[in-house]
Amino acid sequence: MTVEIGIVVAVLGLVITYQAYQLNKTKEVKTDTQESAELKAELGYIRKGVDDIRIDIKTNERQLAAFGERITRVEESSKQAHKRLDNLEKEMSQIG
């Protein structure tokens, strides 16, 4: 009779151990799923941030190109103004 009780206790121990394992396994799956969802959400935020940065960079590049054109025009204009001033100085030196 003591052998039968020992076998019953051993079988019950195995059943309880198996059920505890299954319970923890489902918790691990839920935790993994939750972590995966969080990672996907964070990646989405990062992707959106990178897209926003790209848009800002393109806008800045366009502005720099426009500034480059304006600087070229201003340099040409100042060069012409200097020529006119040089001509005026020559005329003033010839008169005076």
PDB file of N, CA and C in Angstrom:
ATOM      1  N   MET A   1       0.799  -1.187   0.000  1.00  0.00           N
ATOM      2  CA  MET A   1       0.000   0.000   0.000  1.00  0.00           C
ATOM      3  C   MET A   1       0.852   1.265   0.000  1.00  0.00           C
ATOM      4  N   THR A   2       1.986   1.261   0.652  1.00  0.00           N
ATOM      5  CA  THR A   2       2.861   2.423   0.659  1.00  0.00           C
ATOM      6  C   THR A   2       3.463   2.663  -0.721  1.00  0.00           C
ATOM      7  N   VAL A   3       3.652   1.607  -1.475  1.00  0.00           N
ATOM      8  CA  VAL A   3       4.176   1.747  -2.826  1.00  0.00           C
ATOM      9  C   VAL A   3       3.135   2.432  -3.705  1.00  0.00           C
ATOM     10  N   GLU A   4       1.862   2.073  -3.538  1.00  0.00           N
ATOM     11  CA  GLU A   4       0.798   2.688  -4.329  1.00  0.00           C
ATOM     12  C   GLU A   4       0.661   4.166  -3.994  1.00  0.00           C
ATOM     13  N   ILE A   5       0.787   4.534  -2.744  1.00  0.00           N
ATOM     14  CA  ILE A   5       0.693   5.940  -2.345  1.00  0.00           C
ATOM     15  C   ILE A   5       1.883   6.711  -2.931  1.00  0.00           C
ATOM     16  N   GLY A   6       3.033   6.130  -2.914  1.00  0.00           N
ATOM     17  CA  GLY A   6       4.224   6.763  -3.492  1.00  0.00           C
ATOM     18  C   GLY A   6       4.062   7.008  -4.981  1.00  0.00           C
ATOM     19  N   ILE A   7       3.483   5.996  -5.674  1.00  0.00           N
ATOM     20  CA  ILE A   7       3.260   6.143  -7.122  1.00  0.00           C
ATOM     21  C   ILE A   7       2.237   7.242  -7.382  1.00  0.00           C
ATOM     22  N   VAL A   8       1.167   7.277  -6.575  1.00  0.00           N
ATOM     23  CA  VAL A   8       0.131   8.307  -6.746  1.00  0.00           C
ATOM     24  C   VAL A   8       0.733   9.691  -6.511  1.00  0.00           C
ATOM     25  N   VAL A   9       1.543   9.831  -5.467  1.00  0.00           N
ATOM     26  CA  VAL A   9       2.177  11.125  -5.170  1.00  0.00           C
ATOM     27  C   VAL A   9       3.111  11.513  -6.308  1.00  0.00           C
ATOM     28  N   ALA A  10       3.867  10.591  -6.852  1.00  0.00           N
ATOM     29  CA  ALA A  10       4.778  10.873  -7.955  1.00  0.00           C
ATOM     30  C   ALA A  10       4.009  11.304  -9.195  1.00  0.00           C
ATOM     31  N   VAL A  11       2.916  10.612  -9.512  1.00  0.00           N
ATOM     32  CA  VAL A  11       2.107  10.960 -10.678  1.00  0.00           C
ATOM     33  C   VAL A  11       1.485  12.338 -10.484  1.00  0.00           C
ATOM     34  N   LEU A  12       0.948  12.607  -9.283  1.00  0.00           N
ATOM     35  CA  LEU A  12       0.378  13.934  -9.009  1.00  0.00           C
ATOM     36  C   LEU A  12       1.457  15.018  -9.138  1.00  0.00           C
ATOM     37  N   GLY A  13       2.646  14.739  -8.673  1.00  0.00           N
ATOM     38  CA  GLY A  13       3.756  15.693  -8.809  1.00  0.00           C
ATOM     39  C   GLY A  13       4.068  15.983 -10.264  1.00  0.00           C
ATOM     40  N   LEU A  14       4.064  14.941 -11.102  1.00  0.00           N
ATOM     41  CA  LEU A  14       4.300  15.127 -12.533  1.00  0.00           C
ATOM     42  C   LEU A  14       3.195  15.942 -13.181  1.00  0.00           C
ATOM     43  N   VAL A  15       1.954  15.660 -12.814  1.00  0.00           N
ATOM     44  CA  VAL A  15       0.816  16.392 -13.386  1.00  0.00           C
ATOM     45  C   VAL A  15       0.899  17.864 -12.995  1.00  0.00           C
ATOM     46  N   ILE A  16       1.156  18.145 -11.731  1.00  0.00           N
ATOM     47  CA  ILE A  16       1.249  19.534 -11.271  1.00  0.00           C
ATOM     48  C   ILE A  16       2.424  20.247 -11.947  1.00  0.00           C
ATOM     49  N   THR A  17       3.534  19.556 -12.067  1.00  0.00           N
ATOM     50  CA  THR A  17       4.705  20.148 -12.728  1.00  0.00           C
ATOM     51  C   THR A  17       4.397  20.465 -14.181  1.00  0.00           C
ATOM     52  N   TYR A  18       3.734  19.543 -14.873  1.00  0.00           N
ATOM     53  CA  TYR A  18       3.381  19.763 -16.275  1.00  0.00           C
ATOM     54  C   TYR A  18       2.424  20.943 -16.416  1.00  0.00           C
ATOM     55  N   GLN A  19       1.426  21.034 -15.563  1.00  0.00           N
ATOM     56  CA  GLN A  19       0.465  22.142 -15.631  1.00  0.00           C
ATOM     57  C   GLN A  19       1.154  23.480 -15.333  1.00  0.00           C
ATOM     58  N   ALA A  20       2.064  23.502 -14.370  1.00  0.00           N
ATOM     59  CA  ALA A  20       2.799  24.725 -14.066  1.00  0.00           C
ATOM     60  C   ALA A  20       3.655  25.145 -15.266  1.00  0.00           C
ATOM     61  N   TYR A  21       4.269  24.158 -15.918  1.00  0.00           N
ATOM     62  CA  TYR A  21       5.061  24.440 -17.115  1.00  0.00           C
ATOM     63  C   TYR A  21       4.199  25.045 -18.217  1.00  0.00           C
ATOM     64  N   GLN A  22       3.033  24.461 -18.465  1.00  0.00           N
ATOM     65  CA  GLN A  22       2.127  24.972 -19.496  1.00  0.00           C
ATOM     66  C   GLN A  22       1.659  26.393 -19.165  1.00  0.00           C
ATOM     67  N   LEU A  23       1.368  26.653 -17.907  1.00  0.00           N
ATOM     68  CA  LEU A  23       0.923  27.980 -17.487  1.00  0.00           C
ATOM     69  C   LEU A  23       2.026  29.007 -17.733  1.00  0.00           C
ATOM     70  N   ASN A  24       3.246  28.684 -17.352  1.00  0.00           N
ATOM     71  CA  ASN A  24       4.358  29.603 -17.567  1.00  0.00           C
ATOM     72  C   ASN A  24       4.673  29.770 -19.046  1.00  0.00           C
ATOM     73  N   LYS A  25       4.480  28.719 -19.820  1.00  0.00           N
ATOM     74  CA  LYS A  25       4.733  28.794 -21.263  1.00  0.00           C
ATOM     75  C   LYS A  25       3.787  29.798 -21.910  1.00  0.00           C
ATOM     76  N   THR A  26       2.512  29.777 -21.540  1.00  0.00           N
ATOM     77  CA  THR A  26       1.567  30.733 -22.118  1.00  0.00           C
ATOM     78  C   THR A  26       1.884  32.146 -21.656  1.00  0.00           C
ATOM     79  N   LYS A  27       2.370  32.302 -20.419  1.00  0.00           N
ATOM     80  CA  LYS A  27       2.759  33.631 -19.952  1.00  0.00           C
ATOM     81  C   LYS A  27       3.942  34.147 -20.752  1.00  0.00           C
ATOM     82  N   GLU A  28       4.893  33.258 -21.056  1.00  0.00           N
ATOM     83  CA  GLU A  28       6.047  33.648 -21.850  1.00  0.00           C
ATOM     84  C   GLU A  28       5.616  34.071 -23.247  1.00  0.00           C
ATOM     85  N   VAL A  29       4.680  33.350 -23.829  1.00  0.00           N
ATOM     86  CA  VAL A  29       4.186  33.687 -25.163  1.00  0.00           C
ATOM     87  C   VAL A  29       3.506  35.047 -25.125  1.00  0.00           C
ATOM     88  N   LYS A  30       2.691  35.289 -24.078  1.00  0.00           N
ATOM     89  CA  LYS A  30       2.035  36.588 -23.958  1.00  0.00           C
ATOM     90  C   LYS A  30       3.064  37.700 -23.785  1.00  0.00           C
ATOM     91  N   THR A  31       4.085  37.462 -22.979  1.00  0.00           N
ATOM     92  CA  THR A  31       5.128  38.459 -22.759  1.00  0.00           C
ATOM     93  C   THR A  31       5.889  38.718 -24.050  1.00  0.00           C
ATOM     94  N   ASP A  32       6.235  37.660 -24.774  1.00  0.00           N
ATOM     95  CA  ASP A  32       6.933  37.822 -26.052  1.00  0.00           C
ATOM     96  C   ASP A  32       6.082  38.591 -27.049  1.00  0.00           C
ATOM     97  N   THR A  33       4.797  38.289 -27.085  1.00  0.00           N
ATOM     98  CA  THR A  33       3.893  38.976 -27.996  1.00  0.00           C
ATOM     99  C   THR A  33       3.795  40.457 -27.637  1.00  0.00           C
ATOM    100  N   GLN A  34       3.704  40.751 -26.362  1.00  0.00           N
ATOM    101  CA  GLN A  34       3.622  42.136 -25.914  1.00  0.00           C
ATOM    102  C   GLN A  34       4.917  42.884 -26.255  1.00  0.00           C
ATOM    103  N   GLU A  35       6.049  42.254 -26.006  1.00  0.00           N
ATOM    104  CA  GLU A  35       7.325  42.881 -26.335  1.00  0.00           C
ATOM    105  C   GLU A  35       7.448  43.114 -27.832  1.00  0.00           C
ATOM    106  N   SER A  36       6.991  42.157 -28.611  1.00  0.00           N
ATOM    107  CA  SER A  36       7.037  42.301 -30.066  1.00  0.00           C
ATOM    108  C   SER A  36       6.175  43.469 -30.522  1.00  0.00           C
ATOM    109  N   ALA A  37       4.993  43.591 -29.939  1.00  0.00           N
ATOM    110  CA  ALA A  37       4.108  44.701 -30.299  1.00  0.00           C
ATOM    111  C   ALA A  37       4.731  46.036 -29.913  1.00  0.00           C
ATOM    112  N   GLU A  38       5.364  46.103 -28.742  1.00  0.00           N
ATOM    113  CA  GLU A  38       6.018  47.335 -28.316  1.00  0.00           C
ATOM    114  C   GLU A  38       7.166  47.700 -29.252  1.00  0.00           C
ATOM    115  N   LEU A  39       7.940  46.696 -29.646  1.00  0.00           N
ATOM    116  CA  LEU A  39       9.049  46.947 -30.570  1.00  0.00           C
ATOM    117  C   LEU A  39       8.541  47.454 -31.919  1.00  0.00           C
ATOM    118  N   LYS A  40       7.460  46.867 -32.400  1.00  0.00           N
ATOM    119  CA  LYS A  40       6.900  47.317 -33.677  1.00  0.00           C
ATOM    120  C   LYS A  40       6.420  48.758 -33.573  1.00  0.00           C
ATOM    121  N   ALA A  41       5.786  49.102 -32.451  1.00  0.00           N
ATOM    122  CA  ALA A  41       5.313  50.479 -32.257  1.00  0.00           C
ATOM    123  C   ALA A  41       6.497  51.444 -32.210  1.00  0.00           C
ATOM    124  N   GLU A  42       7.548  51.067 -31.484  1.00  0.00           N
ATOM    125  CA  GLU A  42       8.721  51.929 -31.400  1.00  0.00           C
ATOM    126  C   GLU A  42       9.393  52.080 -32.759  1.00  0.00           C
ATOM    127  N   LEU A  43       9.458  50.993 -33.518  1.00  0.00           N
ATOM    128  CA  LEU A  43      10.026  51.079 -34.866  1.00  0.00           C
ATOM    129  C   LEU A  43       9.194  51.999 -35.752  1.00  0.00           C
ATOM    130  N   GLY A  44       7.886  51.954 -35.569  1.00  0.00           N
ATOM    131  CA  GLY A  44       7.009  52.850 -36.325  1.00  0.00           C
ATOM    132  C   GLY A  44       7.300  54.305 -36.000  1.00  0.00           C
ATOM    133  N   TYR A  45       7.489  54.610 -34.713  1.00  0.00           N
ATOM    134  CA  TYR A  45       7.815  55.986 -34.313  1.00  0.00           C
ATOM    135  C   TYR A  45       9.164  56.407 -34.883  1.00  0.00           C
ATOM    136  N   ILE A  46      10.128  55.506 -34.852  1.00  0.00           N
ATOM    137  CA  ILE A  46      11.450  55.815 -35.393  1.00  0.00           C
ATOM    138  C   ILE A  46      11.352  56.049 -36.894  1.00  0.00           C
ATOM    139  N   ARG A  47      10.616  55.205 -37.591  1.00  0.00           N
ATOM    140  CA  ARG A  47      10.455  55.349 -39.039  1.00  0.00           C
ATOM    141  C   ARG A  47       9.828  56.696 -39.379  1.00  0.00           C
ATOM    142  N   LYS A  48       8.806  57.085 -38.618  1.00  0.00           N
ATOM    143  CA  LYS A  48       8.151  58.377 -38.846  1.00  0.00           C
ATOM    144  C   LYS A  48       9.133  59.517 -38.597  1.00  0.00           C
ATOM    145  N   GLY A  49       9.934  59.398 -37.538  1.00  0.00           N
ATOM    146  CA  GLY A  49      10.927  60.430 -37.250  1.00  0.00           C
ATOM    147  C   GLY A  49      11.952  60.564 -38.360  1.00  0.00           C
ATOM    148  N   VAL A  50      12.407  59.428 -38.883  1.00  0.00           N
ATOM    149  CA  VAL A  50      13.383  59.447 -39.977  1.00  0.00           C
ATOM    150  C   VAL A  50      12.758  60.078 -41.221  1.00  0.00           C
ATOM    151  N   ASP A  51      11.516  59.758 -41.510  1.00  0.00           N
ATOM    152  CA  ASP A  51      10.839  60.366 -42.659  1.00  0.00           C
ATOM    153  C   ASP A  51      10.727  61.878 -42.486  1.00  0.00           C
ATOM    154  N   ASP A  52      10.396  62.327 -41.280  1.00  0.00           N
ATOM    155  CA  ASP A  52      10.312  63.766 -41.014  1.00  0.00           C
ATOM    156  C   ASP A  52      11.668  64.439 -41.207  1.00  0.00           C
ATOM    157  N   ILE A  53      12.727  63.774 -40.760  1.00  0.00           N
ATOM    158  CA  ILE A  53      14.074  64.326 -40.924  1.00  0.00           C
ATOM    159  C   ILE A  53      14.428  64.420 -42.404  1.00  0.00           C
ATOM    160  N   ARG A  54      14.074  63.416 -43.179  1.00  0.00           N
ATOM    161  CA  ARG A  54      14.350  63.450 -44.624  1.00  0.00           C
ATOM    162  C   ARG A  54      13.635  64.614 -45.288  1.00  0.00           C
ATOM    163  N   ILE A  55      12.384  64.833 -44.907  1.00  0.00           N
ATOM    164  CA  ILE A  55      11.625  65.948 -45.475  1.00  0.00           C
ATOM    165  C   ILE A  55      12.296  67.268 -45.112  1.00  0.00           C
ATOM    166  N   ASP A  56      12.726  67.410 -43.856  1.00  0.00           N
ATOM    167  CA  ASP A  56      13.403  68.634 -43.426  1.00  0.00           C
ATOM    168  C   ASP A  56      14.703  68.844 -44.185  1.00  0.00           C
ATOM    169  N   ILE A  57      15.446  67.761 -44.416  1.00  0.00           N
ATOM    170  CA  ILE A  57      16.709  67.876 -45.152  1.00  0.00           C
ATOM    171  C   ILE A  57      16.459  68.326 -46.586  1.00  0.00           C
ATOM    172  N   LYS A  58      15.436  67.767 -47.229  1.00  0.00           N
ATOM    173  CA  LYS A  58      15.120  68.180 -48.605  1.00  0.00           C
ATOM    174  C   LYS A  58      14.740  69.651 -48.652  1.00  0.00           C
ATOM    175  N   THR A  59      13.972  70.103 -47.670  1.00  0.00           N
ATOM    176  CA  THR A  59      13.585  71.513 -47.608  1.00  0.00           C
ATOM    177  C   THR A  59      14.816  72.388 -47.430  1.00  0.00           C
ATOM    178  N   ASN A  60      15.719  71.979 -46.550  1.00  0.00           N
ATOM    179  CA  ASN A  60      16.947  72.748 -46.332  1.00  0.00           C
ATOM    180  C   ASN A  60      17.809  72.788 -47.587  1.00  0.00           C
ATOM    181  N   GLU A  61      17.869  71.667 -48.310  1.00  0.00           N
ATOM    182  CA  GLU A  61      18.650  71.643 -49.549  1.00  0.00           C
ATOM    183  C   GLU A  61      18.079  72.614 -50.573  1.00  0.00           C
ATOM    184  N   ARG A  62      16.767  72.678 -50.675  1.00  0.00           N
ATOM    185  CA  ARG A  62      16.133  73.624 -51.603  1.00  0.00           C
ATOM    186  C   ARG A  62      16.440  75.063 -51.203  1.00  0.00           C
ATOM    187  N   GLN A  63      16.376  75.332 -49.899  1.00  0.00           N
ATOM    188  CA  GLN A  63      16.673  76.684 -49.425  1.00  0.00           C
ATOM    189  C   GLN A  63      18.123  77.048 -49.698  1.00  0.00           C
ATOM    190  N   LEU A  64      19.041  76.108 -49.492  1.00  0.00           N
ATOM    191  CA  LEU A  64      20.449  76.379 -49.769  1.00  0.00           C
ATOM    192  C   LEU A  64      20.674  76.656 -51.257  1.00  0.00           C
ATOM    193  N   ALA A  65      19.991  75.915 -52.103  1.00  0.00           N
ATOM    194  CA  ALA A  65      20.115  76.155 -53.544  1.00  0.00           C
ATOM    195  C   ALA A  65      19.608  77.552 -53.892  1.00  0.00           C
ATOM    196  N   ALA A  66      18.478  77.939 -53.298  1.00  0.00           N
ATOM    197  CA  ALA A  66      17.930  79.279 -53.549  1.00  0.00           C
ATOM    198  C   ALA A  66      18.882  80.350 -53.031  1.00  0.00           C
ATOM    199  N   PHE A  67      19.459  80.124 -51.851  1.00  0.00           N
ATOM    200  CA  PHE A  67      20.417  81.087 -51.306  1.00  0.00           C
ATOM    201  C   PHE A  67      21.652  81.177 -52.193  1.00  0.00           C
ATOM    202  N   GLY A  68      22.089  80.064 -52.729  1.00  0.00           N
ATOM    203  CA  GLY A  68      23.241  80.063 -53.628  1.00  0.00           C
ATOM    204  C   GLY A  68      22.988  80.921 -54.853  1.00  0.00           C
ATOM    205  N   GLU A  69      21.807  80.802 -55.426  1.00  0.00           N
ATOM    206  CA  GLU A  69      21.450  81.621 -56.593  1.00  0.00           C
ATOM    207  C   GLU A  69      21.416  83.093 -56.219  1.00  0.00           C
ATOM    208  N   ARG A  70      20.823  83.388 -55.057  1.00  0.00           N
ATOM    209  CA  ARG A  70      20.731  84.791 -54.629  1.00  0.00           C
ATOM    210  C   ARG A  70      22.115  85.373 -54.355  1.00  0.00           C
ATOM    211  N   ILE A  71      22.998  84.582 -53.758  1.00  0.00           N
ATOM    212  CA  ILE A  71      24.348  85.058 -53.473  1.00  0.00           C
ATOM    213  C   ILE A  71      25.083  85.355 -54.779  1.00  0.00           C
ATOM    214  N   THR A  72      24.900  84.507 -55.767  1.00  0.00           N
ATOM    215  CA  THR A  72      25.541  84.724 -57.062  1.00  0.00           C
ATOM    216  C   THR A  72      25.065  86.030 -57.669  1.00  0.00           C
ATOM    217  N   ARG A  73      23.763  86.294 -57.605  1.00  0.00           N
ATOM    218  CA  ARG A  73      23.220  87.541 -58.148  1.00  0.00           C
ATOM    219  C   ARG A  73      23.751  88.753 -57.389  1.00  0.00           C
ATOM    220  N   VAL A  74      23.834  88.638 -56.067  1.00  0.00           N
ATOM    221  CA  VAL A  74      24.332  89.755 -55.254  1.00  0.00           C
ATOM    222  C   VAL A  74      25.805  90.011 -55.566  1.00  0.00           C
ATOM    223  N   GLU A  75      26.586  88.955 -55.736  1.00  0.00           N
ATOM    224  CA  GLU A  75      27.995  89.139 -56.081  1.00  0.00           C
ATOM    225  C   GLU A  75      28.145  89.830 -57.430  1.00  0.00           C
ATOM    226  N   GLU A  76      27.337  89.425 -58.404  1.00  0.00           N
ATOM    227  CA  GLU A  76      27.390  90.064 -59.723  1.00  0.00           C
ATOM    228  C   GLU A  76      27.002  91.532 -59.617  1.00  0.00           C
ATOM    229  N   SER A  77      25.974  91.799 -58.837  1.00  0.00           N
ATOM    230  CA  SER A  77      25.523  93.166 -58.671  1.00  0.00           C
ATOM    231  C   SER A  77      26.582  94.015 -57.973  1.00  0.00           C
ATOM    232  N   SER A  78      27.211  93.472 -56.957  1.00  0.00           N
ATOM    233  CA  SER A  78      28.245  94.237 -56.246  1.00  0.00           C
ATOM    234  C   SER A  78      29.466  94.456 -57.137  1.00  0.00           C
ATOM    235  N   LYS A  79      29.767  93.487 -57.982  1.00  0.00           N
ATOM    236  CA  LYS A  79      30.883  93.634 -58.918  1.00  0.00           C
ATOM    237  C   LYS A  79      30.605  94.783 -59.885  1.00  0.00           C
ATOM    238  N   GLN A  80      29.386  94.854 -60.406  1.00  0.00           N
ATOM    239  CA  GLN A  80      29.011  95.942 -61.296  1.00  0.00           C
ATOM    240  C   GLN A  80      29.035  97.282 -60.563  1.00  0.00           C
ATOM    241  N   ALA A  81      28.603  97.284 -59.304  1.00  0.00           N
ATOM    242  CA  ALA A  81      28.613  98.523 -58.524  1.00  0.00           C
ATOM    243  C   ALA A  81      30.049  98.991 -58.297  1.00  0.00           C
ATOM    244  N   HIS A  82      30.957  98.065 -58.020  1.00  0.00           N
ATOM    245  CA  HIS A  82      32.356  98.439 -57.844  1.00  0.00           C
ATOM    246  C   HIS A  82      32.942  99.017 -59.127  1.00  0.00           C
ATOM    247  N   LYS A  83      32.575  98.452 -60.256  1.00  0.00           N
ATOM    248  CA  LYS A  83      33.058  98.987 -61.535  1.00  0.00           C
ATOM    249  C   LYS A  83      32.561 100.411 -61.724  1.00  0.00           C
ATOM    250  N   ARG A  84      31.286 100.635 -61.407  1.00  0.00           N
ATOM    251  CA  ARG A  84      30.730 101.986 -61.535  1.00  0.00           C
ATOM    252  C   ARG A  84      31.442 102.955 -60.589  1.00  0.00           C
ATOM    253  N   LEU A  85      31.710 102.506 -59.356  1.00  0.00           N
ATOM    254  CA  LEU A  85      32.419 103.359 -58.400  1.00  0.00           C
ATOM    255  C   LEU A  85      33.842 103.644 -58.880  1.00  0.00           C
ATOM    256  N   ASP A  86      34.503 102.654 -59.436  1.00  0.00           N
ATOM    257  CA  ASP A  86      35.846 102.872 -59.974  1.00  0.00           C
ATOM    258  C   ASP A  86      35.813 103.904 -61.101  1.00  0.00           C
ATOM    259  N   ASN A  87      34.802 103.786 -61.965  1.00  0.00           N
ATOM    260  CA  ASN A  87      34.654 104.751 -63.058  1.00  0.00           C
ATOM    261  C   ASN A  87      34.400 106.147 -62.510  1.00  0.00           C
ATOM    262  N   LEU A  88      33.555 106.258 -61.477  1.00  0.00           N
ATOM    263  CA  LEU A  88      33.291 107.564 -60.862  1.00  0.00           C
ATOM    264  C   LEU A  88      34.559 108.144 -60.243  1.00  0.00           C
ATOM    265  N   GLU A  89      35.363 107.317 -59.597  1.00  0.00           N
ATOM    266  CA  GLU A  89      36.609 107.783 -59.004  1.00  0.00           C
ATOM    267  C   GLU A  89      37.565 108.288 -60.080  1.00  0.00           C
ATOM    268  N   LYS A  90      37.608 107.573 -61.198  1.00  0.00           N
ATOM    269  CA  LYS A  90      38.479 108.023 -62.303  1.00  0.00           C
ATOM    270  C   LYS A  90      38.009 109.376 -62.826  1.00  0.00           C
ATOM    271  N   GLU A  91      36.688 109.504 -63.004  1.00  0.00           N
ATOM    272  CA  GLU A  91      36.144 110.770 -63.493  1.00  0.00           C
ATOM    273  C   GLU A  91      36.404 111.887 -62.494  1.00  0.00           C
ATOM    274  N   MET A  92      36.280 111.623 -61.203  1.00  0.00           N
ATOM    275  CA  MET A  92      36.505 112.638 -60.182  1.00  0.00           C
ATOM    276  C   MET A  92      37.982 113.050 -60.140  1.00  0.00           C
ATOM    277  N   SER A  93      38.852 112.063 -60.337  1.00  0.00           N
ATOM    278  CA  SER A  93      40.286 112.403 -60.318  1.00  0.00           C
ATOM    279  C   SER A  93      40.681 113.197 -61.542  1.00  0.00           C
ATOM    280  N   GLN A  94      40.012 112.968 -62.667  1.00  0.00           N
ATOM    281  CA  GLN A  94      40.304 113.730 -63.881  1.00  0.00           C
ATOM    282  C   GLN A  94      39.760 115.153 -63.787  1.00  0.00           C
ATOM    283  N   ILE A  95      38.621 115.322 -63.109  1.00  0.00           N
ATOM    284  CA  ILE A  95      37.996 116.629 -62.953  1.00  0.00           C
ATOM    285  C   ILE A  95      38.774 117.434 -61.903  1.00  0.00           C
ATOM    286  N   GLY A  96      39.115 116.820 -60.815  1.00  0.00           N
ATOM    287  CA  GLY A  96      39.688 117.537 -59.689  1.00  0.00           C
ATOM    288  C   GLY A  96      41.133 117.478 -59.660  1.00  0.00           C
TER     289      GLY A  96
END
